[in-house]
Amino acid sequence: MVTTSQQTGKKKVRTFSASDTEALMLAALAGYHGTSKSAAITNLIKKEFWRVFPSGTETIKPTERARIKE
């Protein structure tokens, strides 16, 4: 199923729960990489997803010409 945001590439605002320490850790990572906290979370999720599923899943496929390490 493809939602409107997936079709247009627009981002959705989401929320998450974190302890004060986890929030500080996230802020430190975002500052280190020069990104927003949202971008830091997204990048961490993408890295972990492709580590766990290097060939993708049924619904999420690697982009064309992506290097896949098995």
N, C-alpha and C. Protein backbone atom coordinates (compact mmCIF):
# COMPACT_ATOMS: atom_id res chain seq x y z
N MET A 1 0.84 -1.18 0.00
CA MET A 1 0.00 0.00 0.00
C MET A 1 0.88 1.24 0.00
N VAL A 2 0.63 2.15 -0.87
CA VAL A 2 1.40 3.39 -0.97
C VAL A 2 0.51 4.53 -0.49
N THR A 3 1.00 5.28 0.49
CA THR A 3 0.23 6.41 0.99
C THR A 3 0.56 7.65 0.18
N THR A 4 -0.23 8.68 0.37
CA THR A 4 -0.01 9.92 -0.36
C THR A 4 1.38 10.47 -0.09
N SER A 5 1.85 10.41 1.16
CA SER A 5 3.17 10.97 1.47
C SER A 5 4.27 10.18 0.78
N GLN A 6 4.08 8.87 0.60
CA GLN A 6 5.08 8.07 -0.11
C GLN A 6 5.08 8.41 -1.59
N GLN A 7 3.93 8.69 -2.14
CA GLN A 7 3.84 9.01 -3.55
C GLN A 7 4.47 10.36 -3.86
N THR A 8 4.30 11.33 -2.97
CA THR A 8 4.79 12.68 -3.22
C THR A 8 6.17 12.92 -2.64
N GLY A 9 6.62 12.02 -1.76
CA GLY A 9 7.91 12.20 -1.13
C GLY A 9 7.90 13.18 0.03
N LYS A 10 6.72 13.65 0.43
CA LYS A 10 6.62 14.58 1.54
C LYS A 10 6.83 13.83 2.85
N LYS A 11 7.43 14.50 3.82
CA LYS A 11 7.68 13.91 5.13
C LYS A 11 6.49 14.14 6.04
N LYS A 12 6.25 13.19 6.96
CA LYS A 12 5.21 13.33 7.97
C LYS A 12 5.87 13.65 9.30
N VAL A 13 5.23 14.46 10.09
CA VAL A 13 5.72 14.75 11.43
C VAL A 13 5.31 13.60 12.33
N ARG A 14 6.28 13.08 13.11
CA ARG A 14 6.00 11.98 14.02
C ARG A 14 6.59 12.33 15.38
N THR A 15 6.18 11.62 16.40
CA THR A 15 6.71 11.85 17.74
C THR A 15 7.31 10.57 18.27
N PHE A 16 8.14 10.68 19.30
CA PHE A 16 8.72 9.51 19.93
C PHE A 16 8.93 9.82 21.41
N SER A 17 9.10 8.78 22.20
CA SER A 17 9.37 8.93 23.62
C SER A 17 10.84 8.62 23.87
N ALA A 18 11.48 9.38 24.74
CA ALA A 18 12.87 9.15 25.09
C ALA A 18 13.12 9.71 26.48
N SER A 19 14.07 9.09 27.18
CA SER A 19 14.48 9.63 28.47
C SER A 19 15.28 10.90 28.23
N ASP A 20 15.53 11.66 29.30
CA ASP A 20 16.34 12.87 29.15
C ASP A 20 17.73 12.53 28.63
N THR A 21 18.31 11.44 29.13
CA THR A 21 19.64 11.03 28.68
C THR A 21 19.64 10.67 27.20
N GLU A 22 18.62 9.93 26.76
CA GLU A 22 18.53 9.56 25.34
C GLU A 22 18.35 10.79 24.46
N ALA A 23 17.58 11.76 24.93
CA ALA A 23 17.38 12.99 24.17
C ALA A 23 18.70 13.76 24.05
N LEU A 24 19.49 13.78 25.12
CA LEU A 24 20.80 14.43 25.07
C LEU A 24 21.74 13.69 24.13
N MET A 25 21.68 12.35 24.15
CA MET A 25 22.51 11.56 23.24
C MET A 25 22.15 11.88 21.79
N LEU A 26 20.85 11.97 21.50
CA LEU A 26 20.39 12.29 20.16
C LEU A 26 20.86 13.68 19.74
N ALA A 27 20.75 14.63 20.64
CA ALA A 27 21.19 16.00 20.33
C ALA A 27 22.69 16.02 20.05
N ALA A 28 23.47 15.24 20.82
CA ALA A 28 24.91 15.18 20.59
C ALA A 28 25.23 14.58 19.23
N LEU A 29 24.53 13.49 18.86
CA LEU A 29 24.75 12.88 17.54
C LEU A 29 24.38 13.84 16.42
N ALA A 30 23.25 14.50 16.56
CA ALA A 30 22.81 15.44 15.53
C ALA A 30 23.82 16.57 15.39
N GLY A 31 24.31 17.09 16.51
CA GLY A 31 25.31 18.15 16.46
C GLY A 31 26.60 17.69 15.81
N TYR A 32 27.02 16.49 16.14
CA TYR A 32 28.25 15.95 15.57
C TYR A 32 28.16 15.84 14.05
N HIS A 33 27.01 15.37 13.56
CA HIS A 33 26.82 15.19 12.12
C HIS A 33 26.31 16.45 11.42
N GLY A 34 25.99 17.47 12.20
CA GLY A 34 25.52 18.72 11.60
C GLY A 34 24.13 18.61 11.01
N THR A 35 23.29 17.77 11.63
CA THR A 35 21.93 17.58 11.13
C THR A 35 20.93 17.92 12.24
N SER A 36 19.67 17.84 11.91
CA SER A 36 18.62 17.99 12.92
C SER A 36 18.48 16.66 13.66
N LYS A 37 17.80 16.71 14.78
CA LYS A 37 17.55 15.46 15.53
C LYS A 37 16.70 14.51 14.70
N SER A 38 15.75 15.06 13.96
CA SER A 38 14.90 14.23 13.10
C SER A 38 15.73 13.52 12.04
N ALA A 39 16.65 14.26 11.42
CA ALA A 39 17.50 13.65 10.40
C ALA A 39 18.41 12.59 11.01
N ALA A 40 18.90 12.84 12.23
CA ALA A 40 19.76 11.86 12.89
C ALA A 40 19.00 10.56 13.15
N ILE A 41 17.76 10.68 13.62
CA ILE A 41 16.94 9.48 13.86
C ILE A 41 16.72 8.74 12.54
N THR A 42 16.34 9.46 11.51
CA THR A 42 16.06 8.85 10.21
C THR A 42 17.29 8.12 9.67
N ASN A 43 18.46 8.76 9.76
CA ASN A 43 19.68 8.14 9.26
C ASN A 43 20.05 6.89 10.05
N LEU A 44 19.87 6.93 11.38
CA LEU A 44 20.16 5.76 12.21
C LEU A 44 19.21 4.61 11.85
N ILE A 45 17.95 4.91 11.64
CA ILE A 45 16.98 3.88 11.26
C ILE A 45 17.35 3.27 9.92
N LYS A 46 17.71 4.10 8.94
CA LYS A 46 18.09 3.59 7.61
C LYS A 46 19.31 2.69 7.71
N LYS A 47 20.33 3.11 8.46
CA LYS A 47 21.54 2.29 8.60
C LYS A 47 21.22 0.94 9.21
N GLU A 48 20.42 0.94 10.26
CA GLU A 48 20.07 -0.32 10.93
C GLU A 48 19.18 -1.19 10.03
N PHE A 49 18.24 -0.57 9.31
CA PHE A 49 17.37 -1.33 8.43
C PHE A 49 18.19 -2.08 7.38
N TRP A 50 19.11 -1.37 6.70
CA TRP A 50 19.89 -2.00 5.64
C TRP A 50 20.91 -2.99 6.20
N ARG A 51 21.30 -2.82 7.47
CA ARG A 51 22.17 -3.82 8.11
C ARG A 51 21.41 -5.12 8.34
N VAL A 52 20.18 -5.00 8.80
CA VAL A 52 19.36 -6.18 9.10
C VAL A 52 18.79 -6.80 7.83
N PHE A 53 18.38 -5.97 6.88
CA PHE A 53 17.77 -6.44 5.63
C PHE A 53 18.56 -5.92 4.43
N PRO A 54 19.75 -6.45 4.16
CA PRO A 54 20.59 -5.91 3.09
C PRO A 54 19.95 -6.00 1.70
N SER A 55 19.05 -6.94 1.49
CA SER A 55 18.38 -7.05 0.19
C SER A 55 16.98 -6.45 0.22
N GLY A 56 16.63 -5.77 1.30
CA GLY A 56 15.31 -5.18 1.43
C GLY A 56 14.30 -6.19 1.94
N THR A 57 13.05 -5.81 1.87
CA THR A 57 11.94 -6.67 2.26
C THR A 57 10.99 -6.78 1.08
N GLU A 58 9.86 -7.43 1.32
CA GLU A 58 8.87 -7.56 0.25
C GLU A 58 8.41 -6.19 -0.26
N THR A 59 8.23 -5.26 0.66
CA THR A 59 7.68 -3.96 0.28
C THR A 59 8.73 -2.86 0.14
N ILE A 60 9.92 -3.06 0.70
CA ILE A 60 10.97 -2.04 0.62
C ILE A 60 12.15 -2.64 -0.12
N LYS A 61 12.40 -2.13 -1.30
CA LYS A 61 13.48 -2.64 -2.16
C LYS A 61 14.63 -1.65 -2.20
N PRO A 62 15.86 -2.13 -2.36
CA PRO A 62 16.99 -1.21 -2.51
C PRO A 62 16.81 -0.36 -3.76
N THR A 63 17.37 0.83 -3.74
CA THR A 63 17.30 1.69 -4.91
C THR A 63 18.14 1.09 -6.03
N GLU A 64 17.83 1.50 -7.25
CA GLU A 64 18.59 0.99 -8.39
C GLU A 64 20.07 1.30 -8.21
N ARG A 65 20.91 0.40 -8.63
CA ARG A 65 22.36 0.52 -8.59
C ARG A 65 22.93 0.56 -7.18
N ALA A 66 22.15 0.15 -6.18
CA ALA A 66 22.64 0.11 -4.81
C ALA A 66 23.60 -1.08 -4.67
N ARG A 67 24.69 -0.86 -3.93
CA ARG A 67 25.59 -1.97 -3.64
C ARG A 67 25.00 -2.78 -2.51
N ILE A 68 24.86 -4.07 -2.70
CA ILE A 68 24.28 -4.94 -1.68
C ILE A 68 25.35 -5.90 -1.20
N LYS A 69 25.66 -5.82 0.10
CA LYS A 69 26.63 -6.73 0.70
C LYS A 69 25.85 -7.81 1.43
N GLU A 70 26.07 -9.03 1.04
CA GLU A 70 25.38 -10.16 1.70
C GLU A 70 26.23 -10.72 2.80
